[in-house]
Amino acid sequence: MEHTNRDGQPVAIITDIQRYTIHDGPGIRTEFFFKGCPLSCPWCSNPETVRPYPEIGVYPTKCMGKQKCGWCLKECPLGNDSPIAFDSDDNLLPVIMRDECKGCYKCVDACPGGGLKLWGKSYTMDEMLKLANQDRSFYERTGGGVTVSGGDVMMQWEFAADFLRECHEQLHINTCMETEVLCPQEHLDAVLAHTDLAIFDIKHIDSAAHRKLCGVPNERILENIAHAAKIGTRIVIRTPVVPGYNDSEENIRGIASFIRDSIGGSLVQWQLLMFRKLGVEKLDSLGREYQMSDYEPPSSEDRQAQLEKLRDMVSSEYGIEVAVGSDGKLPL
């Protein structure tokens, strides 16, 4: 999906930019979170990145109310037709955006307390490269660089491919991408051409179970991962292990068999990630419900023990490099 600004320049829709991160790729990195994702995982940690367009999040506890402030309403050019509304107790309600208000966001800029937050800001290529270049000394010292993530960066694959190419050719820095890889193969190839390390998720090896969990089957995902390995991409596989959903030994063995048979020597590491209830506050800000609000996982100690057991099983039976979590140094 291509986006342009009012001047017709290509832009990326970005929800967050994290500097000095060490979790998604080697060394110290700057990570860009692209908006848009084709999956609907119930445990999503970044729900603000799912829809491919900017959204306004609402934080009522930070709002001073219409009577004391009301600047959001005063600045809204839609006047009485404004999507901004308050309940009878002067609490700010979720903003149901309309086509007329997209691209304005004056209400967000006017809010003095942070009661309104824009999820998804437009950045031109020059702005992105300037941000990527700010921490060059850290990249050079630690073997770090830039990571593009999401959501799913492949939802904006054309901009991502151009951006990573410029990171290589203009800035001469390491590049990494994290993606669900549910996309046409030619789109993947365009981005992989400028990617030093790719991080792919495999949430469930069974396609029917994957569809039930994430809303889509997994055949194309697995085909794209196998293709990336075939053309020599260095790959990190991640599996968020959710007790009761995808934590069975059968599923983990199935993923291990796929990694052994279809990725082989292209694998850098397989990371088993502990499930945590994240993203709830962000969903609340968007007026959407957390699908797993009633789910109570085992204690963190029990989950850690389970992940270590699965790691040891895979290591002994399949000889695959497995890590619990994403904090460890990648063996590059």
C-alpha atoms as a PDB file:
ATOM      1  CA  MET A   1       0.000   0.000   0.000  1.00  0.00           C
ATOM      2  CA  GLU A   2       1.498   3.308  -1.123  1.00  0.00           C
ATOM      3  CA  HIS A   3       0.952   6.554   0.784  1.00  0.00           C
ATOM      4  CA  THR A   4       1.716  10.124  -0.322  1.00  0.00           C
ATOM      5  CA  ASN A   5       1.599  13.483   1.451  1.00  0.00           C
ATOM      6  CA  ARG A   6      -0.147  16.601   0.237  1.00  0.00           C
ATOM      7  CA  ASP A   7       2.855  17.431  -1.943  1.00  0.00           C
ATOM      8  CA  GLY A   8       2.638  14.059  -3.679  1.00  0.00           C
ATOM      9  CA  GLN A   9       5.793  12.708  -2.020  1.00  0.00           C
ATOM     10  CA  PRO A  10       5.865   9.049  -1.010  1.00  0.00           C
ATOM     11  CA  VAL A  11       5.625   8.671   2.760  1.00  0.00           C
ATOM     12  CA  ALA A  12       5.646   5.875   5.298  1.00  0.00           C
ATOM     13  CA  ILE A  13       2.955   5.699   7.975  1.00  0.00           C
ATOM     14  CA  ILE A  14       4.892   5.053  11.194  1.00  0.00           C
ATOM     15  CA  THR A  15       3.406   4.495  14.659  1.00  0.00           C
ATOM     16  CA  ASP A  16       6.629   4.610  16.659  1.00  0.00           C
ATOM     17  CA  ILE A  17      10.390   5.043  16.334  1.00  0.00           C
ATOM     18  CA  GLN A  18      12.513   3.410  19.009  1.00  0.00           C
ATOM     19  CA  ARG A  19      16.151   4.384  19.379  1.00  0.00           C
ATOM     20  CA  TYR A  20      18.815   2.397  21.239  1.00  0.00           C
ATOM     21  CA  THR A  21      16.818  -0.836  21.019  1.00  0.00           C
ATOM     22  CA  ILE A  22      18.643  -4.181  21.279  1.00  0.00           C
ATOM     23  CA  HIS A  23      15.802  -6.653  20.777  1.00  0.00           C
ATOM     24  CA  ASP A  24      15.216  -6.785  17.001  1.00  0.00           C
ATOM     25  CA  GLY A  25      18.528  -7.426  15.329  1.00  0.00           C
ATOM     26  CA  PRO A  26      22.202  -7.291  16.282  1.00  0.00           C
ATOM     27  CA  GLY A  27      23.757  -4.418  18.221  1.00  0.00           C
ATOM     28  CA  ILE A  28      22.124  -1.108  19.081  1.00  0.00           C
ATOM     29  CA  ARG A  29      19.435  -0.219  16.574  1.00  0.00           C
ATOM     30  CA  THR A  30      16.856   2.337  15.523  1.00  0.00           C
ATOM     31  CA  GLU A  31      13.536   0.615  14.875  1.00  0.00           C
ATOM     32  CA  PHE A  32      10.703   1.951  12.726  1.00  0.00           C
ATOM     33  CA  PHE A  33       7.225   0.513  13.296  1.00  0.00           C
ATOM     34  CA  PHE A  34       5.238   0.591  10.046  1.00  0.00           C
ATOM     35  CA  LYS A  35       1.438   0.691  10.240  1.00  0.00           C
ATOM     36  CA  GLY A  36      -0.739  -2.090   8.844  1.00  0.00           C
ATOM     37  CA  CYS A  37      -0.900  -5.853   9.427  1.00  0.00           C
ATOM     38  CA  PRO A  38      -2.804  -8.612   7.554  1.00  0.00           C
ATOM     39  CA  LEU A  39      -3.135 -10.835  10.656  1.00  0.00           C
ATOM     40  CA  SER A  40      -5.565 -10.595  13.581  1.00  0.00           C
ATOM     41  CA  CYS A  41      -3.712 -12.332  16.421  1.00  0.00           C
ATOM     42  CA  PRO A  42      -5.721 -12.149  19.664  1.00  0.00           C
ATOM     43  CA  TRP A  43      -2.558 -11.546  21.740  1.00  0.00           C
ATOM     44  CA  CYS A  44      -1.252  -8.670  19.585  1.00  0.00           C
ATOM     45  CA  SER A  45       1.143  -6.419  21.532  1.00  0.00           C
ATOM     46  CA  ASN A  46       0.941  -3.543  19.052  1.00  0.00           C
ATOM     47  CA  PRO A  47      -2.755  -3.225  18.109  1.00  0.00           C
ATOM     48  CA  GLU A  48      -2.257   0.393  17.103  1.00  0.00           C
ATOM     49  CA  THR A  49      -0.240  -0.862  14.117  1.00  0.00           C
ATOM     50  CA  VAL A  50      -2.896  -3.202  12.666  1.00  0.00           C
ATOM     51  CA  ARG A  51      -5.048  -0.841  10.611  1.00  0.00           C
ATOM     52  CA  PRO A  52      -3.138   0.671   7.672  1.00  0.00           C
ATOM     53  CA  TYR A  53      -4.148   4.294   8.235  1.00  0.00           C
ATOM     54  CA  PRO A  54      -3.618   6.876  11.019  1.00  0.00           C
ATOM     55  CA  GLU A  55      -5.949   6.633  14.002  1.00  0.00           C
ATOM     56  CA  ILE A  56      -6.606   8.871  16.995  1.00  0.00           C
ATOM     57  CA  GLY A  57      -6.195   7.221  20.380  1.00  0.00           C
ATOM     58  CA  VAL A  58      -8.020   8.546  23.442  1.00  0.00           C
ATOM     59  CA  TYR A  59      -6.662   8.633  27.008  1.00  0.00           C
ATOM     60  CA  PRO A  60      -9.522   9.994  29.166  1.00  0.00           C
ATOM     61  CA  THR A  61      -7.458  10.193  32.367  1.00  0.00           C
ATOM     62  CA  LYS A  62      -5.185  12.746  30.687  1.00  0.00           C
ATOM     63  CA  CYS A  63      -8.083  14.839  29.375  1.00  0.00           C
ATOM     64  CA  MET A  64      -9.119  17.950  31.325  1.00  0.00           C
ATOM     65  CA  GLY A  65     -12.636  17.821  29.902  1.00  0.00           C
ATOM     66  CA  LYS A  66     -14.701  19.999  27.598  1.00  0.00           C
ATOM     67  CA  GLN A  67     -15.670  22.438  30.328  1.00  0.00           C
ATOM     68  CA  LYS A  68     -12.141  23.171  31.581  1.00  0.00           C
ATOM     69  CA  CYS A  69     -10.381  22.890  28.232  1.00  0.00           C
ATOM     70  CA  GLY A  70     -12.193  21.857  25.058  1.00  0.00           C
ATOM     71  CA  TRP A  71      -9.359  22.910  22.778  1.00  0.00           C
ATOM     72  CA  CYS A  72      -9.784  19.785  20.650  1.00  0.00           C
ATOM     73  CA  LEU A  73     -13.324  20.829  19.747  1.00  0.00           C
ATOM     74  CA  LYS A  74     -12.337  24.453  19.191  1.00  0.00           C
ATOM     75  CA  GLU A  75      -9.645  23.457  16.693  1.00  0.00           C
ATOM     76  CA  CYS A  76     -11.705  20.839  14.844  1.00  0.00           C
ATOM     77  CA  PRO A  77     -12.680  22.296  11.422  1.00  0.00           C
ATOM     78  CA  LEU A  78     -15.809  20.094  11.320  1.00  0.00           C
ATOM     79  CA  GLY A  79     -17.460  22.216  13.993  1.00  0.00           C
ATOM     80  CA  ASN A  80     -20.723  20.730  15.218  1.00  0.00           C
ATOM     81  CA  ASP A  81     -20.089  17.646  13.071  1.00  0.00           C
ATOM     82  CA  SER A  82     -16.831  16.887  14.887  1.00  0.00           C
ATOM     83  CA  PRO A  83     -16.207  13.205  15.736  1.00  0.00           C
ATOM     84  CA  ILE A  84     -14.869  14.341  19.134  1.00  0.00           C
ATOM     85  CA  ALA A  85     -17.438  13.776  21.862  1.00  0.00           C
ATOM     86  CA  PHE A  86     -17.773  13.696  25.648  1.00  0.00           C
ATOM     87  CA  ASP A  87     -20.138  11.753  27.882  1.00  0.00           C
ATOM     88  CA  SER A  88     -22.457  13.303  30.489  1.00  0.00           C
ATOM     89  CA  ASP A  89     -19.626  13.290  33.054  1.00  0.00           C
ATOM     90  CA  ASP A  90     -17.353  15.264  30.691  1.00  0.00           C
ATOM     91  CA  ASN A  91     -15.192  12.206  29.904  1.00  0.00           C
ATOM     92  CA  LEU A  92     -13.643  12.060  26.450  1.00  0.00           C
ATOM     93  CA  LEU A  93     -15.099   9.256  24.303  1.00  0.00           C
ATOM     94  CA  PRO A  94     -13.283   7.178  21.640  1.00  0.00           C
ATOM     95  CA  VAL A  95     -12.867   9.093  18.396  1.00  0.00           C
ATOM     96  CA  ILE A  96     -14.627   7.406  15.481  1.00  0.00           C
ATOM     97  CA  MET A  97     -12.715   9.028  12.650  1.00  0.00           C
ATOM     98  CA  ARG A  98     -14.414  10.071   9.417  1.00  0.00           C
ATOM     99  CA  ASP A  99     -12.991  10.485   5.952  1.00  0.00           C
ATOM    100  CA  GLU A 100     -13.292  14.270   6.328  1.00  0.00           C
ATOM    101  CA  CYS A 101     -11.015  14.397   9.368  1.00  0.00           C
ATOM    102  CA  LYS A 102      -8.225  12.123   8.153  1.00  0.00           C
ATOM    103  CA  GLY A 103      -5.138  14.165   7.419  1.00  0.00           C
ATOM    104  CA  CYS A 104      -6.051  17.002   9.766  1.00  0.00           C
ATOM    105  CA  TYR A 105      -5.355  15.926  13.372  1.00  0.00           C
ATOM    106  CA  LYS A 106      -5.548  19.505  14.654  1.00  0.00           C
ATOM    107  CA  CYS A 107      -7.332  18.162  17.709  1.00  0.00           C
ATOM    108  CA  VAL A 108      -4.255  16.093  18.632  1.00  0.00           C
ATOM    109  CA  ASP A 109      -1.927  19.066  18.251  1.00  0.00           C
ATOM    110  CA  ALA A 110      -4.255  21.237  20.346  1.00  0.00           C
ATOM    111  CA  CYS A 111      -4.577  18.831  23.282  1.00  0.00           C
ATOM    112  CA  PRO A 112      -2.386  20.168  26.136  1.00  0.00           C
ATOM    113  CA  GLY A 113      -2.532  17.078  28.362  1.00  0.00           C
ATOM    114  CA  GLY A 114      -2.008  14.168  25.994  1.00  0.00           C
ATOM    115  CA  GLY A 115      -5.632  13.037  26.085  1.00  0.00           C
ATOM    116  CA  LEU A 116      -5.473  12.542  22.324  1.00  0.00           C
ATOM    117  CA  LYS A 117      -2.647  10.665  20.603  1.00  0.00           C
ATOM    118  CA  LEU A 118      -2.081  10.135  16.889  1.00  0.00           C
ATOM    119  CA  TRP A 119      -1.242   6.526  16.047  1.00  0.00           C
ATOM    120  CA  GLY A 120       0.447   6.816  12.672  1.00  0.00           C
ATOM    121  CA  LYS A 121       2.510   9.750  11.452  1.00  0.00           C
ATOM    122  CA  SER A 122       3.727  10.351   7.899  1.00  0.00           C
ATOM    123  CA  TYR A 123       7.476  10.469   7.220  1.00  0.00           C
ATOM    124  CA  THR A 124       9.210  11.241   3.949  1.00  0.00           C
ATOM    125  CA  MET A 125      12.289   9.339   2.838  1.00  0.00           C
ATOM    126  CA  ASP A 126      14.598  12.216   3.788  1.00  0.00           C
ATOM    127  CA  GLU A 127      13.064  12.407   7.275  1.00  0.00           C
ATOM    128  CA  MET A 128      13.477   8.672   7.786  1.00  0.00           C
ATOM    129  CA  LEU A 129      17.101   8.669   6.642  1.00  0.00           C
ATOM    130  CA  LYS A 130      17.936  11.623   8.868  1.00  0.00           C
ATOM    131  CA  LEU A 131      16.516   9.769  11.868  1.00  0.00           C
ATOM    132  CA  ALA A 132      18.310   6.564  10.900  1.00  0.00           C
ATOM    133  CA  ASN A 133      21.628   8.388  10.679  1.00  0.00           C
ATOM    134  CA  GLN A 134      21.453  10.031  14.114  1.00  0.00           C
ATOM    135  CA  ASP A 135      22.980   7.101  15.980  1.00  0.00           C
ATOM    136  CA  ARG A 136      25.605   6.029  13.464  1.00  0.00           C
ATOM    137  CA  SER A 137      28.322   5.974  16.129  1.00  0.00           C
ATOM    138  CA  PHE A 138      26.333   3.411  18.139  1.00  0.00           C
ATOM    139  CA  TYR A 139      25.806   1.252  15.060  1.00  0.00           C
ATOM    140  CA  GLU A 140      29.501   1.291  14.226  1.00  0.00           C
ATOM    141  CA  ARG A 141      30.503   0.486  17.810  1.00  0.00           C
ATOM    142  CA  THR A 142      28.056  -2.408  18.304  1.00  0.00           C
ATOM    143  CA  GLY A 143      27.366  -3.823  14.849  1.00  0.00           C
ATOM    144  CA  GLY A 144      23.868  -2.339  14.949  1.00  0.00           C
ATOM    145  CA  GLY A 145      21.788  -0.504  12.413  1.00  0.00           C
ATOM    146  CA  VAL A 146      18.182  -0.008  11.350  1.00  0.00           C
ATOM    147  CA  THR A 147      15.234  -2.373  11.789  1.00  0.00           C
ATOM    148  CA  VAL A 148      11.888  -2.000  10.025  1.00  0.00           C
ATOM    149  CA  SER A 149       8.989  -3.677  11.794  1.00  0.00           C
ATOM    150  CA  GLY A 150       5.303  -3.167  12.492  1.00  0.00           C
ATOM    151  CA  GLY A 151       2.476  -4.144  12.273  1.00  0.00           C
ATOM    152  CA  ASP A 152       3.919  -5.632   9.169  1.00  0.00           C
ATOM    153  CA  VAL A 153       6.384  -3.681   7.101  1.00  0.00           C
ATOM    154  CA  MET A 154       5.355  -5.615   3.971  1.00  0.00           C
ATOM    155  CA  MET A 155       2.081  -3.682   3.992  1.00  0.00           C
ATOM    156  CA  GLN A 156       4.239  -0.737   2.838  1.00  0.00           C
ATOM    157  CA  TRP A 157       6.802  -2.809   0.966  1.00  0.00           C
ATOM    158  CA  GLU A 158       7.668  -0.293  -1.765  1.00  0.00           C
ATOM    159  CA  PHE A 159       8.679   2.422   0.659  1.00  0.00           C
ATOM    160  CA  ALA A 160      10.443  -0.141   2.864  1.00  0.00           C
ATOM    161  CA  ALA A 161      12.494  -1.478  -0.048  1.00  0.00           C
ATOM    162  CA  ASP A 162      13.561   2.044  -1.080  1.00  0.00           C
ATOM    163  CA  PHE A 163      14.352   2.995   2.517  1.00  0.00           C
ATOM    164  CA  LEU A 164      16.527  -0.059   3.185  1.00  0.00           C
ATOM    165  CA  ARG A 165      18.299   0.445  -0.143  1.00  0.00           C
ATOM    166  CA  GLU A 166      19.182   3.995   0.884  1.00  0.00           C
ATOM    167  CA  CYS A 167      20.324   2.759   4.302  1.00  0.00           C
ATOM    168  CA  HIS A 168      22.774   0.515   2.451  1.00  0.00           C
ATOM    169  CA  GLU A 169      23.835   2.783  -0.388  1.00  0.00           C
ATOM    170  CA  GLN A 170      23.715   6.211   1.243  1.00  0.00           C
ATOM    171  CA  LEU A 171      24.300   5.514   4.945  1.00  0.00           C
ATOM    172  CA  HIS A 172      26.228   2.216   4.685  1.00  0.00           C
ATOM    173  CA  ILE A 173      24.527   0.718   7.741  1.00  0.00           C
ATOM    174  CA  ASN A 174      23.218  -2.719   8.649  1.00  0.00           C
ATOM    175  CA  THR A 175      19.553  -3.438   7.930  1.00  0.00           C
ATOM    176  CA  CYS A 176      17.031  -5.827   9.438  1.00  0.00           C
ATOM    177  CA  MET A 177      13.338  -6.390   8.864  1.00  0.00           C
ATOM    178  CA  GLU A 178      10.682  -8.141  10.936  1.00  0.00           C
ATOM    179  CA  THR A 179       7.594  -9.338   9.073  1.00  0.00           C
ATOM    180  CA  GLU A 180       4.736 -11.821   9.120  1.00  0.00           C
ATOM    181  CA  VAL A 181       5.738 -12.405   5.470  1.00  0.00           C
ATOM    182  CA  LEU A 182       2.139 -12.834   4.226  1.00  0.00           C
ATOM    183  CA  CYS A 183       2.751 -11.169   0.879  1.00  0.00           C
ATOM    184  CA  PRO A 184       3.459 -11.849  -2.806  1.00  0.00           C
ATOM    185  CA  GLN A 185       6.933 -13.301  -3.302  1.00  0.00           C
ATOM    186  CA  GLU A 186       8.012 -10.481  -5.606  1.00  0.00           C
ATOM    187  CA  HIS A 187       7.258  -7.942  -2.868  1.00  0.00           C
ATOM    188  CA  LEU A 188       9.348  -9.942  -0.420  1.00  0.00           C
ATOM    189  CA  ASP A 189      12.232 -10.162  -2.886  1.00  0.00           C
ATOM    190  CA  ALA A 190      12.234  -6.396  -3.364  1.00  0.00           C
ATOM    191  CA  VAL A 191      12.755  -5.834   0.365  1.00  0.00           C
ATOM    192  CA  LEU A 192      15.108  -8.771   0.950  1.00  0.00           C
ATOM    193  CA  ALA A 193      17.433  -7.361  -1.725  1.00  0.00           C
ATOM    194  CA  HIS A 194      18.438  -4.688   0.816  1.00  0.00           C
ATOM    195  CA  THR A 195      18.081  -6.687   4.058  1.00  0.00           C
ATOM    196  CA  ASP A 196      20.983  -8.130   6.039  1.00  0.00           C
ATOM    197  CA  LEU A 197      18.819 -10.096   8.490  1.00  0.00           C
ATOM    198  CA  ALA A 198      15.155 -11.113   8.326  1.00  0.00           C
ATOM    199  CA  ILE A 199      13.010 -11.929  11.362  1.00  0.00           C
ATOM    200  CA  PHE A 200       9.985 -14.104  10.543  1.00  0.00           C
ATOM    201  CA  ASP A 201       7.190 -15.308  12.828  1.00  0.00           C
ATOM    202  CA  ILE A 202       5.839 -18.849  12.799  1.00  0.00           C
ATOM    203  CA  LYS A 203       2.930 -18.935  15.211  1.00  0.00           C
ATOM    204  CA  HIS A 204       1.479 -22.341  14.331  1.00  0.00           C
ATOM    205  CA  ILE A 205       2.608 -25.015  11.887  1.00  0.00           C
ATOM    206  CA  ASP A 206      -0.935 -26.255  11.190  1.00  0.00           C
ATOM    207  CA  SER A 207      -2.691 -24.060   8.638  1.00  0.00           C
ATOM    208  CA  ALA A 208      -6.210 -24.613   9.980  1.00  0.00           C
ATOM    209  CA  ALA A 209      -5.070 -23.769  13.513  1.00  0.00           C
ATOM    210  CA  HIS A 210      -3.214 -20.737  12.172  1.00  0.00           C
ATOM    211  CA  ARG A 211      -6.356 -19.515  10.435  1.00  0.00           C
ATOM    212  CA  LYS A 212      -8.356 -19.956  13.629  1.00  0.00           C
ATOM    213  CA  LEU A 213      -5.771 -18.078  15.689  1.00  0.00           C
ATOM    214  CA  CYS A 214      -4.662 -15.336  13.307  1.00  0.00           C
ATOM    215  CA  GLY A 215      -7.442 -15.071  10.743  1.00  0.00           C
ATOM    216  CA  VAL A 216      -5.412 -16.381   7.789  1.00  0.00           C
ATOM    217  CA  PRO A 217      -3.890 -19.719   6.697  1.00  0.00           C
ATOM    218  CA  ASN A 218      -0.113 -20.102   6.771  1.00  0.00           C
ATOM    219  CA  GLU A 219       0.803 -21.739   3.427  1.00  0.00           C
ATOM    220  CA  ARG A 220       2.063 -18.524   1.832  1.00  0.00           C
ATOM    221  CA  ILE A 221       3.956 -17.594   5.003  1.00  0.00           C
ATOM    222  CA  LEU A 222       5.825 -20.902   5.068  1.00  0.00           C
ATOM    223  CA  GLU A 223       6.448 -20.792   1.312  1.00  0.00           C
ATOM    224  CA  ASN A 224       7.952 -17.318   1.593  1.00  0.00           C
ATOM    225  CA  ILE A 225      10.175 -18.309   4.506  1.00  0.00           C
ATOM    226  CA  ALA A 226      11.449 -21.347   2.582  1.00  0.00           C
ATOM    227  CA  HIS A 227      12.056 -19.124  -0.456  1.00  0.00           C
ATOM    228  CA  ALA A 228      13.990 -16.590   1.617  1.00  0.00           C
ATOM    229  CA  ALA A 229      16.201 -19.377   2.938  1.00  0.00           C
ATOM    230  CA  LYS A 230      16.739 -20.753  -0.558  1.00  0.00           C
ATOM    231  CA  ILE A 231      18.106 -17.421  -1.828  1.00  0.00           C
ATOM    232  CA  GLY A 232      20.514 -17.185   1.115  1.00  0.00           C
ATOM    233  CA  THR A 233      18.735 -14.837   3.523  1.00  0.00           C
ATOM    234  CA  ARG A 234      19.969 -14.965   7.103  1.00  0.00           C
ATOM    235  CA  ILE A 235      16.877 -15.729   9.160  1.00  0.00           C
ATOM    236  CA  VAL A 236      15.680 -15.482  12.743  1.00  0.00           C
ATOM    237  CA  ILE A 237      12.439 -17.351  13.474  1.00  0.00           C
ATOM    238  CA  ARG A 238      10.217 -16.206  16.308  1.00  0.00           C
ATOM    239  CA  THR A 239       7.366 -18.106  17.952  1.00  0.00           C
ATOM    240  CA  PRO A 240       5.279 -16.337  20.591  1.00  0.00           C
ATOM    241  CA  VAL A 241       4.390 -19.282  22.834  1.00  0.00           C
ATOM    242  CA  VAL A 242       0.874 -18.817  24.233  1.00  0.00           C
ATOM    243  CA  PRO A 243      -0.177 -21.494  26.748  1.00  0.00           C
ATOM    244  CA  GLY A 244      -3.285 -23.302  25.573  1.00  0.00           C
ATOM    245  CA  TYR A 245      -3.020 -21.874  22.054  1.00  0.00           C
ATOM    246  CA  ASN A 246       0.205 -23.005  20.380  1.00  0.00           C
ATOM    247  CA  ASP A 247       2.427 -24.382  23.149  1.00  0.00           C
ATOM    248  CA  SER A 248       1.920 -28.101  22.500  1.00  0.00           C
ATOM    249  CA  GLU A 249       4.986 -30.249  21.891  1.00  0.00           C
ATOM    250  CA  GLU A 250       3.330 -31.372  18.654  1.00  0.00           C
ATOM    251  CA  ASN A 251       3.257 -27.803  17.325  1.00  0.00           C
ATOM    252  CA  ILE A 252       6.800 -26.998  18.462  1.00  0.00           C
ATOM    253  CA  ARG A 253       8.090 -30.220  16.885  1.00  0.00           C
ATOM    254  CA  GLY A 254       6.241 -29.361  13.678  1.00  0.00           C
ATOM    255  CA  ILE A 255       7.888 -25.943  13.524  1.00  0.00           C
ATOM    256  CA  ALA A 256      11.263 -27.531  14.329  1.00  0.00           C
ATOM    257  CA  SER A 257      10.838 -29.995  11.441  1.00  0.00           C
ATOM    258  CA  PHE A 258      10.025 -27.139   9.071  1.00  0.00           C
ATOM    259  CA  ILE A 259      13.058 -25.168  10.210  1.00  0.00           C
ATOM    260  CA  ARG A 260      15.337 -28.196   9.806  1.00  0.00           C
ATOM    261  CA  ASP A 261      13.992 -29.186   6.389  1.00  0.00           C
ATOM    262  CA  SER A 262      13.229 -25.794   4.800  1.00  0.00           C
ATOM    263  CA  ILE A 263      15.575 -23.258   6.412  1.00  0.00           C
ATOM    264  CA  GLY A 264      18.624 -25.293   7.340  1.00  0.00           C
ATOM    265  CA  GLY A 265      21.886 -23.360   7.338  1.00  0.00           C
ATOM    266  CA  SER A 266      20.137 -20.015   6.772  1.00  0.00           C
ATOM    267  CA  LEU A 267      18.849 -20.081  10.351  1.00  0.00           C
ATOM    268  CA  VAL A 268      20.618 -17.737  12.728  1.00  0.00           C
ATOM    269  CA  GLN A 269      18.386 -18.491  15.719  1.00  0.00           C
ATOM    270  CA  TRP A 270      14.919 -19.645  16.707  1.00  0.00           C
ATOM    271  CA  GLN A 271      13.455 -17.546  19.511  1.00  0.00           C
ATOM    272  CA  LEU A 272      10.684 -18.826  21.777  1.00  0.00           C
ATOM    273  CA  LEU A 273       8.966 -15.750  23.210  1.00  0.00           C
ATOM    274  CA  MET A 274       7.035 -15.647  26.472  1.00  0.00           C
ATOM    275  CA  PHE A 275       3.439 -14.469  26.191  1.00  0.00           C
ATOM    276  CA  ARG A 276       2.619 -11.278  28.082  1.00  0.00           C
ATOM    277  CA  LYS A 277      -0.626  -9.339  28.197  1.00  0.00           C
ATOM    278  CA  LEU A 278       0.492  -6.241  26.345  1.00  0.00           C
ATOM    279  CA  GLY A 279      -1.368  -3.770  24.170  1.00  0.00           C
ATOM    280  CA  VAL A 280      -4.470  -3.552  26.395  1.00  0.00           C
ATOM    281  CA  GLU A 281      -4.111   0.176  27.076  1.00  0.00           C
ATOM    282  CA  LYS A 282      -3.589   0.874  23.378  1.00  0.00           C
ATOM    283  CA  LEU A 283      -6.733  -1.066  22.460  1.00  0.00           C
ATOM    284  CA  ASP A 284      -8.670   0.900  25.073  1.00  0.00           C
ATOM    285  CA  SER A 285      -7.437   4.129  23.493  1.00  0.00           C
ATOM    286  CA  LEU A 286      -8.876   2.991  20.161  1.00  0.00           C
ATOM    287  CA  GLY A 287     -12.200   1.893  21.622  1.00  0.00           C
ATOM    288  CA  ARG A 288     -11.571  -1.770  20.844  1.00  0.00           C
ATOM    289  CA  GLU A 289     -11.728  -4.768  23.164  1.00  0.00           C
ATOM    290  CA  TYR A 290      -8.813  -7.046  24.026  1.00  0.00           C
ATOM    291  CA  GLN A 291      -9.751 -10.483  22.709  1.00  0.00           C
ATOM    292  CA  MET A 292      -7.944 -12.262  25.553  1.00  0.00           C
ATOM    293  CA  SER A 293      -9.176 -10.112  28.437  1.00  0.00           C
ATOM    294  CA  ASP A 294     -10.512 -13.169  30.308  1.00  0.00           C
ATOM    295  CA  TYR A 295      -7.432 -15.284  29.643  1.00  0.00           C
ATOM    296  CA  GLU A 296      -5.228 -15.931  32.653  1.00  0.00           C
ATOM    297  CA  PRO A 297      -1.878 -17.483  31.716  1.00  0.00           C
ATOM    298  CA  PRO A 298       0.224 -19.575  34.076  1.00  0.00           C
ATOM    299  CA  SER A 299       2.729 -17.776  36.286  1.00  0.00           C
ATOM    300  CA  SER A 300       5.797 -16.290  34.624  1.00  0.00           C
ATOM    301  CA  GLU A 301       7.931 -18.879  36.454  1.00  0.00           C
ATOM    302  CA  ASP A 302       5.877 -21.741  34.989  1.00  0.00           C
ATOM    303  CA  ARG A 303       5.998 -20.207  31.507  1.00  0.00           C
ATOM    304  CA  GLN A 304       9.755 -19.733  31.751  1.00  0.00           C
ATOM    305  CA  ALA A 305      10.185 -23.357  32.804  1.00  0.00           C
ATOM    306  CA  GLN A 306       8.016 -24.523  29.910  1.00  0.00           C
ATOM    307  CA  LEU A 307      10.000 -22.494  27.377  1.00  0.00           C
ATOM    308  CA  GLU A 308      13.262 -23.899  28.688  1.00  0.00           C
ATOM    309  CA  LYS A 309      11.849 -27.425  28.457  1.00  0.00           C
ATOM    310  CA  LEU A 310      10.782 -26.834  24.849  1.00  0.00           C
ATOM    311  CA  ARG A 311      14.181 -25.312  24.055  1.00  0.00           C
ATOM    312  CA  ASP A 312      16.001 -28.328  25.443  1.00  0.00           C
ATOM    313  CA  MET A 313      13.700 -30.713  23.570  1.00  0.00           C
ATOM    314  CA  VAL A 314      14.308 -28.982  20.240  1.00  0.00           C
ATOM    315  CA  SER A 315      18.039 -28.695  20.839  1.00  0.00           C
ATOM    316  CA  SER A 316      18.460 -32.381  21.667  1.00  0.00           C
ATOM    317  CA  GLU A 317      16.077 -33.790  19.054  1.00  0.00           C
ATOM    318  CA  TYR A 318      16.694 -31.442  16.132  1.00  0.00           C
ATOM    319  CA  GLY A 319      20.064 -29.790  16.814  1.00  0.00           C
ATOM    320  CA  ILE A 320      18.588 -26.318  16.255  1.00  0.00           C
ATOM    321  CA  GLU A 321      19.911 -23.125  17.871  1.00  0.00           C
ATOM    322  CA  VAL A 322      17.067 -22.027  20.170  1.00  0.00           C
ATOM    323  CA  ALA A 323      16.875 -19.068  22.545  1.00  0.00           C
ATOM    324  CA  VAL A 324      14.280 -18.259  25.176  1.00  0.00           C
ATOM    325  CA  GLY A 325      13.366 -14.605  24.599  1.00  0.00           C
ATOM    326  CA  SER A 326      14.881 -12.024  22.260  1.00  0.00           C
ATOM    327  CA  ASP A 327      17.427 -10.384  24.570  1.00  0.00           C
ATOM    328  CA  GLY A 328      20.356 -12.667  23.885  1.00  0.00           C
ATOM    329  CA  LYS A 329      23.146 -11.758  21.500  1.00  0.00           C
ATOM    330  CA  LEU A 330      22.592 -13.111  18.023  1.00  0.00           C
ATOM    331  CA  PRO A 331      25.309 -15.505  16.821  1.00  0.00           C
ATOM    332  CA  LEU A 332      26.174 -13.543  13.674  1.00  0.00           C
END
